[in-house]
Amino acid sequence: MKDEKLDVFSYIDAACGVLDKKRESYTKSAAKISAYLEKTLEDFDALVGVTYRIKTSASLREKIIRNNLYKQYSALDVVGECSDIAGIRLECRFLEDEKALYEKLKELFCNDAGGGYFYPEGRKHLRLKLGAPQPERQKNGLEIYRIDGFVVLGGEKYNYELQIKSLVNSFWSEIEHKIIYKNKRFMLIDDFVNELMSSLNDSLKNIDRQLNMLFHRCLDSSQKGQLAAAENMLLGLINELFSRLVEERVGISVNIKPYSQALVKYLLGYSTFARRSDGSPLGDDALPFNETLVRFMRWLKDVDFDGIGVGQAINFDHPFVYENEMQEIIGKKLTAEMNDDFFCNTFFHILFSLEVGNDMQDFSTYVRYYEHRIGAHNKSDAGKVRLKFEIEKADVGKMVLEKEILRLAAIK
C-alpha cells in the first residue's frame, strides 16, 4: 500500500510555502517598525536594544500542530492570522524599566485607530494594540509585556508581536525556552523541573534587584564600592547557575564559590566584556562596571548550557605560542594538569562557556590576565625565579583562586 501523508501535513507544507513567499516582506516590515522604535526611543536611557526575528518554517509547523490551527484557518490564511510571525523585542535594564518603557510606548502610539489599535503621529501604517491590559499573565504564572501589532507595507498587513523584557527576563525566557519548550522529555518530571525553574526565576529577580541597586545607588559612591556591588551581583548569578550545572553533570554537590569569585574578578576587569570596542589592551581603560555587566548579561542569555562539558577532558587543536617565558610557565602548568584536577577542569569549562572566543583564544587571554595580575613584568630577577618556582610546584586546582593570585602577586 502506497504511503500517503495525512491531510494535516499537506496543510502544513502549504502554509510553510506561504510563509517562505512572504518572508522577505515580513522581514522588511519588522525592520521598519524596529528602526522606528530604535530611533524614537534612543533617549530612553534604560533601553538596551531593539531586535527582531521572523518565525522559521520549523517553528510554524510546531505552532500549527500545538494550537490546532489547521482546524481554524485555511492553509493560505493561517500565516496572516498568526500574531507572532514577526517578533520585536525591546530589551531594557531592569524589571521596573519594563513598565516605564510600556508607558513610553503609550505616549508614542497615542492616536486611536479603532479595535484597540493605536498609531504614532503621522504613521498610520504602524499599529500597536494598546487597548488590552498589560502585562499579561503567562501559563507559567509569570507576567510579560506582550503586545500585538501590525505594519502596513505595500497595501498588505504584516503582523508582529512586540515584547518588552528586562535583561533578567530576557535571560530567563531563553533558558525556559531551551529547557521546557524545546525539551519534551521534561514532561515526565514536570513538578521537579517547575520547582527548579521557579527557584531560578526567584534568584534572577534577586539579581535584578542587585543590578538596580548598582545603577541607582552605587554609581554615586567610590569606584571601590561600585566594584564590590558588581562583584556580589555577578557572583550570585554565576554561582547559582553553574553550581547546579556541575551537580547535575557529576551527580554530587560541589562548592564552586571560590572559583566563581575568581571568574567574576576576571570578567569585570579583563574579559571581552570589559574591553572597549576599539580593542583597548587588557586592564587599560576598561569599561565602567555597569556597562560591562549589561554586555555580559546580554551574552549570557545565549550561552549553550547543554554544550558545557563539565567532567570531560579539555583538548586544544594545536600547541600554544606564548608571548614570553612567564606566560609559557603559567600556560604549560595549567594545560598539563587541567584534565587531572576536577576544579581546574570545571573552572576552565565555565570560563570558556562565558567568553566569546574559541577555547584557545579564551585560554590565551586568561594566561595574559594571570601574568598581569601577578605582576610578573614588575618582578626583580630574584622575584621571577621565585615566581617560577611557586607556579611549578602549585596545586593547579587552587592556582586559579583569587587568594593564590594575590599571594603570587606579593612575591618581590
Protein backbone atom coordinates (compact mmCIF):
# COMPACT_ATOMS: atom_id res chain seq x y z
CA MET A 1 0.00 0.00 0.00
CA LYS A 2 1.41 3.33 -1.01
CA ASP A 3 2.29 5.64 1.90
CA GLU A 4 0.21 8.77 1.93
CA LYS A 5 0.57 11.88 4.03
CA LEU A 6 -2.18 12.87 6.41
CA ASP A 7 -4.07 15.95 5.26
CA VAL A 8 -2.59 17.96 8.12
CA PHE A 9 0.93 17.51 6.74
CA SER A 10 -0.08 18.65 3.30
CA TYR A 11 -1.73 21.62 5.02
CA ILE A 12 1.50 22.41 6.88
CA ASP A 13 3.59 22.20 3.72
CA ALA A 14 1.23 24.65 2.01
CA ALA A 15 1.28 27.04 4.99
CA CYS A 16 5.09 26.99 5.15
CA GLY A 17 5.16 27.70 1.42
CA VAL A 18 3.09 30.84 2.05
CA LEU A 19 5.49 31.90 4.81
CA ASP A 20 8.51 31.38 2.57
CA LYS A 21 6.97 33.55 -0.14
CA LYS A 22 6.21 36.33 2.32
CA ARG A 23 9.35 36.05 4.43
CA GLU A 24 11.14 38.96 2.74
CA SER A 25 8.11 41.23 3.22
CA TYR A 26 7.82 40.22 6.88
CA THR A 27 11.50 40.98 7.31
CA LYS A 28 11.07 44.43 5.76
CA SER A 29 8.05 45.20 7.94
CA ALA A 30 9.85 44.06 11.11
CA ALA A 31 12.90 46.13 10.16
CA LYS A 32 10.67 49.15 9.59
CA ILE A 33 8.97 49.09 13.00
CA SER A 34 12.27 48.19 14.72
CA ALA A 35 14.07 51.14 13.11
CA TYR A 36 11.26 53.50 14.11
CA LEU A 37 11.31 52.30 17.74
CA GLU A 38 15.11 52.41 17.96
CA LYS A 39 15.22 55.97 16.62
CA THR A 40 12.28 57.26 18.67
CA LEU A 41 13.43 55.64 21.93
CA GLU A 42 17.13 56.47 21.60
CA ASP A 43 16.89 58.92 24.51
CA PHE A 44 15.21 56.38 26.78
CA ASP A 45 18.21 55.65 28.99
CA ALA A 46 17.09 52.22 30.21
CA LEU A 47 16.69 50.78 26.70
CA VAL A 48 19.45 48.27 25.95
CA GLY A 49 18.48 47.36 22.40
CA VAL A 50 15.81 46.61 19.78
CA THR A 51 15.90 43.27 17.96
CA TYR A 52 13.60 41.33 15.66
CA ARG A 53 13.22 37.83 14.26
CA ILE A 54 10.95 36.09 11.72
CA LYS A 55 9.43 32.73 12.62
CA THR A 56 11.12 29.77 10.94
CA SER A 57 9.19 27.16 8.97
CA ALA A 58 10.00 24.59 11.67
CA SER A 59 8.56 26.87 14.33
CA LEU A 60 5.42 27.46 12.26
CA ARG A 61 4.96 23.69 11.89
CA GLU A 62 5.12 23.26 15.67
CA LYS A 63 2.67 26.12 16.24
CA ILE A 64 0.12 24.73 13.76
CA ILE A 65 0.13 21.30 15.43
CA ARG A 66 0.36 22.56 19.02
CA ASN A 67 -2.56 25.01 18.67
CA ASN A 68 -4.66 23.01 16.18
CA LEU A 69 -4.55 25.97 13.79
CA TYR A 70 -5.30 23.67 10.84
CA LYS A 71 -8.81 23.27 12.27
CA GLN A 72 -9.36 27.03 12.44
CA TYR A 73 -7.88 28.57 9.28
CA SER A 74 -7.12 27.62 5.71
CA ALA A 75 -3.52 26.92 4.76
CA LEU A 76 -3.47 30.15 2.73
CA ASP A 77 -4.78 32.26 5.62
CA VAL A 78 -3.02 30.81 8.66
CA VAL A 79 0.19 32.84 8.28
CA GLY A 80 -1.77 36.09 8.12
CA GLU A 81 -3.77 35.08 11.20
CA CYS A 82 -0.71 34.38 13.36
CA SER A 83 0.15 37.38 15.50
CA ASP A 84 3.79 36.43 16.01
CA ILE A 85 5.19 35.64 12.57
CA ALA A 86 7.49 38.59 13.23
CA GLY A 87 8.75 39.17 16.76
CA ILE A 88 10.09 42.50 18.04
CA ARG A 89 11.91 42.70 21.36
CA LEU A 90 12.58 45.86 23.36
CA GLU A 91 15.25 44.94 25.89
CA CYS A 92 15.70 47.15 28.94
CA ARG A 93 17.88 47.01 32.03
CA PHE A 94 15.60 46.22 34.97
CA LEU A 95 12.19 44.79 35.76
CA GLU A 96 10.92 48.21 36.79
CA ASP A 97 12.01 49.62 33.42
CA GLU A 98 9.57 47.33 31.60
CA LYS A 99 6.58 49.30 32.86
CA ALA A 100 8.27 52.64 32.14
CA LEU A 101 9.00 51.51 28.58
CA TYR A 102 5.40 50.37 28.11
CA GLU A 103 4.13 53.77 29.29
CA LYS A 104 6.52 55.42 26.83
CA LEU A 105 5.01 53.36 24.01
CA LYS A 106 1.54 54.52 25.02
CA GLU A 107 2.77 58.12 24.74
CA LEU A 108 4.15 57.48 21.24
CA PHE A 109 1.23 55.42 19.91
CA CYS A 110 -1.37 57.93 21.03
CA ASN A 111 -3.80 58.03 18.08
CA ASP A 112 -6.79 55.69 18.27
CA ALA A 113 -7.24 53.61 15.10
CA GLY A 114 -10.15 51.57 16.49
CA GLY A 115 -10.28 47.95 17.56
CA GLY A 116 -7.84 48.62 20.38
CA TYR A 117 -5.06 49.65 17.98
CA PHE A 118 -3.10 52.90 18.13
CA TYR A 119 -0.53 54.56 15.87
CA PRO A 120 2.13 57.30 16.22
CA GLU A 121 1.54 60.80 14.88
CA GLY A 122 1.80 60.75 11.08
CA ARG A 123 2.50 56.98 10.88
CA LYS A 124 -0.83 55.21 10.39
CA HIS A 125 0.95 52.22 8.86
CA LEU A 126 2.49 51.33 12.25
CA ARG A 127 -0.03 49.91 14.74
CA LEU A 128 0.09 48.55 18.30
CA LYS A 129 -2.81 47.00 20.18
CA LEU A 130 -2.57 49.04 23.37
CA GLY A 131 -6.21 48.66 24.34
CA ALA A 132 -5.62 45.34 26.16
CA PRO A 133 -4.39 45.16 29.80
CA GLN A 134 -0.65 44.75 30.29
CA PRO A 135 1.33 42.90 31.47
CA GLU A 136 -0.24 39.57 30.53
CA ARG A 137 -0.06 36.55 32.82
CA GLN A 138 1.53 33.53 31.16
CA LYS A 139 0.70 29.84 31.66
CA ASN A 140 3.70 29.56 33.97
CA GLY A 141 2.20 32.24 36.24
CA LEU A 142 4.76 34.92 35.36
CA GLU A 143 3.91 38.28 33.82
CA ILE A 144 5.08 39.56 30.45
CA TYR A 145 4.59 42.69 28.37
CA ARG A 146 3.45 41.16 25.07
CA ILE A 147 1.63 43.40 22.58
CA ASP A 148 0.17 42.57 19.18
CA GLY A 149 0.76 44.92 16.28
CA PHE A 150 0.99 45.13 12.53
CA VAL A 151 2.72 47.08 9.78
CA VAL A 152 1.01 48.02 6.52
CA LEU A 153 3.51 47.56 3.71
CA GLY A 154 2.55 47.84 0.04
CA GLY A 155 -1.11 47.79 1.00
CA GLU A 156 -0.80 44.46 2.86
CA LYS A 157 -0.88 43.87 6.62
CA TYR A 158 2.03 42.09 8.32
CA ASN A 159 1.52 41.09 11.96
CA TYR A 160 4.17 41.24 14.65
CA GLU A 161 4.34 40.60 18.37
CA LEU A 162 6.23 43.12 20.49
CA GLN A 163 7.73 42.07 23.82
CA ILE A 164 9.32 44.25 26.48
CA LYS A 165 11.88 42.40 28.56
CA SER A 166 14.45 43.31 31.16
CA LEU A 167 17.85 41.65 30.98
CA VAL A 168 16.94 39.03 33.58
CA ASN A 169 13.56 38.29 31.97
CA SER A 170 15.21 38.02 28.58
CA PHE A 171 17.76 35.62 30.01
CA TRP A 172 15.01 33.67 31.82
CA SER A 173 12.85 33.26 28.71
CA GLU A 174 15.80 31.89 26.70
CA ILE A 175 16.55 29.32 29.39
CA GLU A 176 12.89 28.33 29.78
CA HIS A 177 12.53 28.00 26.01
CA LYS A 178 15.54 25.71 25.75
CA ILE A 179 14.78 23.61 28.83
CA ILE A 180 10.99 23.34 28.78
CA TYR A 181 9.57 24.30 25.40
CA LYS A 182 12.20 22.55 23.26
CA ASN A 183 12.82 19.60 25.58
CA LYS A 184 9.78 17.34 25.58
CA ARG A 185 11.41 14.73 27.85
CA PHE A 186 10.93 17.07 30.80
CA MET A 187 7.20 16.46 30.56
CA LEU A 188 7.82 13.31 32.60
CA ILE A 189 9.19 15.26 35.57
CA ASP A 190 7.12 18.43 35.41
CA ASP A 191 6.89 19.01 39.17
CA PHE A 192 10.63 18.79 39.69
CA VAL A 193 11.51 20.97 36.71
CA ASN A 194 8.84 23.55 37.55
CA GLU A 195 10.15 23.81 41.10
CA LEU A 196 13.71 24.17 39.86
CA MET A 197 12.76 26.80 37.27
CA SER A 198 10.73 28.71 39.85
CA SER A 199 13.73 28.77 42.17
CA LEU A 200 15.96 30.01 39.35
CA ASN A 201 13.44 32.72 38.48
CA ASP A 202 13.46 33.92 42.10
CA SER A 203 17.25 34.03 42.01
CA LEU A 204 17.19 36.10 38.82
CA LYS A 205 14.76 38.57 40.39
CA ASN A 206 17.20 38.97 43.24
CA ILE A 207 19.94 39.57 40.68
CA ASP A 208 17.75 42.25 39.09
CA ARG A 209 17.38 44.00 42.46
CA GLN A 210 21.13 43.94 42.94
CA LEU A 211 21.73 45.28 39.44
CA ASN A 212 19.22 48.03 40.10
CA MET A 213 20.99 48.93 43.31
CA LEU A 214 24.28 49.09 41.45
CA PHE A 215 22.90 51.60 38.94
CA HIS A 216 20.79 53.76 41.20
CA ARG A 217 22.73 53.76 44.47
CA CYS A 218 26.30 52.75 43.88
CA LEU A 219 27.13 54.92 40.88
CA ASP A 220 27.49 57.90 43.20
CA SER A 221 29.81 56.04 45.53
CA SER A 222 33.51 55.30 45.22
CA GLN A 223 34.85 53.08 42.48
CA LYS A 224 35.71 50.53 45.15
CA GLY A 225 32.09 50.48 46.29
CA GLN A 226 30.85 50.08 42.72
CA LEU A 227 33.21 47.18 42.11
CA ALA A 228 32.13 45.41 45.31
CA ALA A 229 28.45 45.73 44.36
CA ALA A 230 29.09 44.48 40.83
CA GLU A 231 31.16 41.56 42.08
CA ASN A 232 28.47 40.47 44.55
CA MET A 233 25.73 40.64 41.93
CA LEU A 234 27.66 38.68 39.32
CA LEU A 235 28.94 36.18 41.88
CA GLY A 236 25.38 35.33 42.89
CA LEU A 237 24.33 34.74 39.30
CA ILE A 238 27.33 32.66 38.20
CA ASN A 239 27.44 30.57 41.36
CA GLU A 240 23.70 29.87 41.21
CA LEU A 241 23.72 28.79 37.58
CA PHE A 242 26.92 26.76 37.48
CA SER A 243 26.79 25.07 40.87
CA ARG A 244 23.53 23.46 39.74
CA LEU A 245 25.02 22.58 36.36
CA VAL A 246 28.06 20.92 37.97
CA GLU A 247 25.86 18.97 40.38
CA GLU A 248 23.67 17.79 37.50
CA ARG A 249 26.64 16.63 35.43
CA VAL A 250 28.74 14.90 38.11
CA GLY A 251 25.96 13.79 40.45
CA ILE A 252 27.36 15.34 43.63
CA SER A 253 27.05 18.73 45.30
CA VAL A 254 30.29 20.70 44.92
CA ASN A 255 31.24 24.09 46.35
CA ILE A 256 32.46 26.18 43.41
CA LYS A 257 32.02 29.59 45.07
CA PRO A 258 35.79 30.31 45.35
CA TYR A 259 36.13 29.56 41.63
CA SER A 260 33.09 31.71 40.84
CA GLN A 261 34.79 34.57 42.70
CA ALA A 262 37.90 34.15 40.57
CA LEU A 263 35.80 34.15 37.39
CA VAL A 264 33.99 37.33 38.47
CA LYS A 265 37.27 39.13 39.05
CA TYR A 266 38.38 38.18 35.55
CA LEU A 267 35.06 39.03 33.86
CA LEU A 268 34.76 42.51 35.37
CA GLY A 269 38.33 43.60 34.79
CA TYR A 270 39.88 41.78 31.84
CA SER A 271 37.37 39.81 29.81
CA THR A 272 35.95 40.57 26.37
CA PHE A 273 33.02 42.28 28.12
CA ALA A 274 35.30 44.72 29.95
CA ARG A 275 37.17 45.75 26.80
CA ARG A 276 36.10 48.64 24.65
CA SER A 277 35.07 48.12 21.04
CA ASP A 278 38.38 49.64 19.90
CA GLY A 279 40.18 46.67 21.49
CA SER A 280 41.87 48.59 24.29
CA PRO A 281 44.59 46.47 25.97
CA LEU A 282 43.51 44.22 28.83
CA GLY A 283 43.46 46.08 32.12
CA ASP A 284 43.76 49.50 30.48
CA ASP A 285 40.78 51.84 30.17
CA ALA A 286 38.28 49.09 30.95
CA LEU A 287 34.58 49.83 30.56
CA PRO A 288 32.58 51.05 33.59
CA PHE A 289 31.31 48.15 35.68
CA ASN A 290 27.67 48.84 34.85
CA GLU A 291 28.31 48.71 31.09
CA THR A 292 30.40 45.56 31.47
CA LEU A 293 27.52 43.92 33.36
CA VAL A 294 24.99 44.85 30.70
CA ARG A 295 27.16 43.46 27.92
CA PHE A 296 27.77 40.26 29.88
CA MET A 297 24.09 39.71 30.73
CA ARG A 298 23.09 40.12 27.09
CA TRP A 299 25.67 37.50 26.10
CA LEU A 300 24.80 35.10 28.93
CA LYS A 301 21.23 34.51 27.74
CA ASP A 302 22.59 32.87 24.57
CA VAL A 303 25.09 30.56 26.29
CA ASP A 304 24.60 26.92 25.28
CA PHE A 305 24.43 25.31 28.72
CA ASP A 306 23.83 21.88 27.21
CA GLY A 307 27.17 22.15 25.45
CA ILE A 308 29.27 22.83 28.57
CA GLY A 309 31.37 19.70 29.04
CA VAL A 310 31.89 19.70 32.81
CA GLY A 311 33.64 16.45 33.71
CA GLN A 312 35.02 15.99 30.19
CA ALA A 313 38.62 16.39 29.10
CA ILE A 314 39.70 19.70 27.54
CA ASN A 315 41.78 19.33 24.38
CA PHE A 316 43.22 22.11 22.25
CA ASP A 317 43.67 21.89 18.49
CA HIS A 318 47.37 22.76 18.44
CA PRO A 319 50.18 23.91 20.78
CA PHE A 320 50.13 27.47 22.10
CA VAL A 321 52.57 30.12 21.03
CA TYR A 322 53.28 32.20 24.12
CA GLU A 323 54.43 35.83 24.13
CA ASN A 324 57.12 35.37 26.78
CA GLU A 325 58.66 32.91 29.22
CA MET A 326 56.32 33.71 32.12
CA GLN A 327 53.20 33.14 30.03
CA GLU A 328 54.67 29.82 28.92
CA ILE A 329 55.29 28.78 32.53
CA ILE A 330 51.72 29.67 33.51
CA GLY A 331 50.14 28.15 30.42
CA LYS A 332 52.06 24.88 30.50
CA LYS A 333 51.34 24.39 34.20
CA LEU A 334 47.59 24.83 33.65
CA THR A 335 47.32 22.76 30.46
CA ALA A 336 49.45 19.94 31.85
CA GLU A 337 47.10 19.33 34.76
CA MET A 338 43.70 20.79 33.89
CA ASN A 339 42.38 17.34 32.96
CA ASP A 340 43.73 15.76 36.17
CA ASP A 341 42.26 18.26 38.63
CA PHE A 342 38.45 18.39 38.79
CA PHE A 343 38.21 22.00 40.00
CA CYS A 344 40.66 23.35 37.45
CA ASN A 345 38.87 21.46 34.70
CA THR A 346 35.50 22.82 35.86
CA PHE A 347 36.88 26.37 36.14
CA PHE A 348 38.03 26.42 32.50
CA HIS A 349 34.89 24.74 31.18
CA ILE A 350 32.86 27.54 32.76
CA LEU A 351 35.27 30.27 31.64
CA PHE A 352 35.23 29.02 28.04
CA SER A 353 31.42 28.99 28.05
CA LEU A 354 31.25 32.57 29.35
CA GLU A 355 33.80 34.13 27.00
CA VAL A 356 33.07 34.88 23.34
CA GLY A 357 36.12 33.38 21.58
CA ASN A 358 37.09 29.78 20.93
CA ASP A 359 38.76 27.80 23.71
CA MET A 360 42.31 28.56 22.57
CA GLN A 361 41.63 32.30 22.32
CA ASP A 362 39.97 32.37 25.73
CA PHE A 363 42.81 30.43 27.34
CA SER A 364 45.43 32.75 25.82
CA THR A 365 43.52 35.77 27.14
CA TYR A 366 43.32 34.23 30.59
CA VAL A 367 47.06 33.50 30.64
CA ARG A 368 47.78 37.14 29.77
CA TYR A 369 45.38 38.20 32.52
CA TYR A 370 47.12 35.91 35.00
CA GLU A 371 50.52 37.28 34.09
CA HIS A 372 49.21 40.82 34.55
CA ARG A 373 47.53 40.06 37.89
CA ILE A 374 50.62 38.54 39.50
CA GLY A 375 52.68 41.48 38.23
CA ALA A 376 55.25 39.28 36.51
CA HIS A 377 56.58 42.18 34.42
CA ASN A 378 57.49 44.16 37.54
CA LYS A 379 59.36 41.46 39.43
CA SER A 380 63.05 41.58 40.11
CA ASP A 381 65.21 38.83 38.66
CA ALA A 382 65.11 37.05 42.01
CA GLY A 383 61.34 37.57 42.14
CA LYS A 384 60.88 35.99 38.73
CA VAL A 385 62.91 32.97 39.77
CA ARG A 386 60.83 32.65 42.94
CA LEU A 387 57.59 33.13 40.94
CA LYS A 388 58.58 30.37 38.52
CA PHE A 389 59.30 28.02 41.43
CA GLU A 390 55.98 28.76 43.16
CA ILE A 391 53.96 28.23 39.97
CA GLU A 392 55.69 24.99 39.05
CA LYS A 393 55.00 23.46 42.49
CA ALA A 394 51.45 24.88 42.77
CA ASP A 395 48.29 22.85 43.21
CA VAL A 396 46.76 23.58 39.81
CA GLY A 397 43.22 23.35 41.19
CA LYS A 398 43.92 26.15 43.65
CA MET A 399 46.24 28.07 41.34
CA VAL A 400 43.33 29.98 39.72
CA LEU A 401 41.81 31.09 43.03
CA GLU A 402 41.90 34.77 43.94
CA LYS A 403 43.82 34.29 47.18
CA GLU A 404 46.54 32.34 45.36
CA ILE A 405 46.83 35.02 42.67
CA LEU A 406 47.23 37.67 45.37
CA ARG A 407 49.88 35.57 47.11
CA LEU A 408 51.90 35.26 43.91
CA ALA A 409 51.49 38.97 43.26
CA ALA A 410 53.08 39.71 46.66
CA ILE A 411 56.33 37.95 45.75
CA LYS A 412 59.13 40.51 45.49
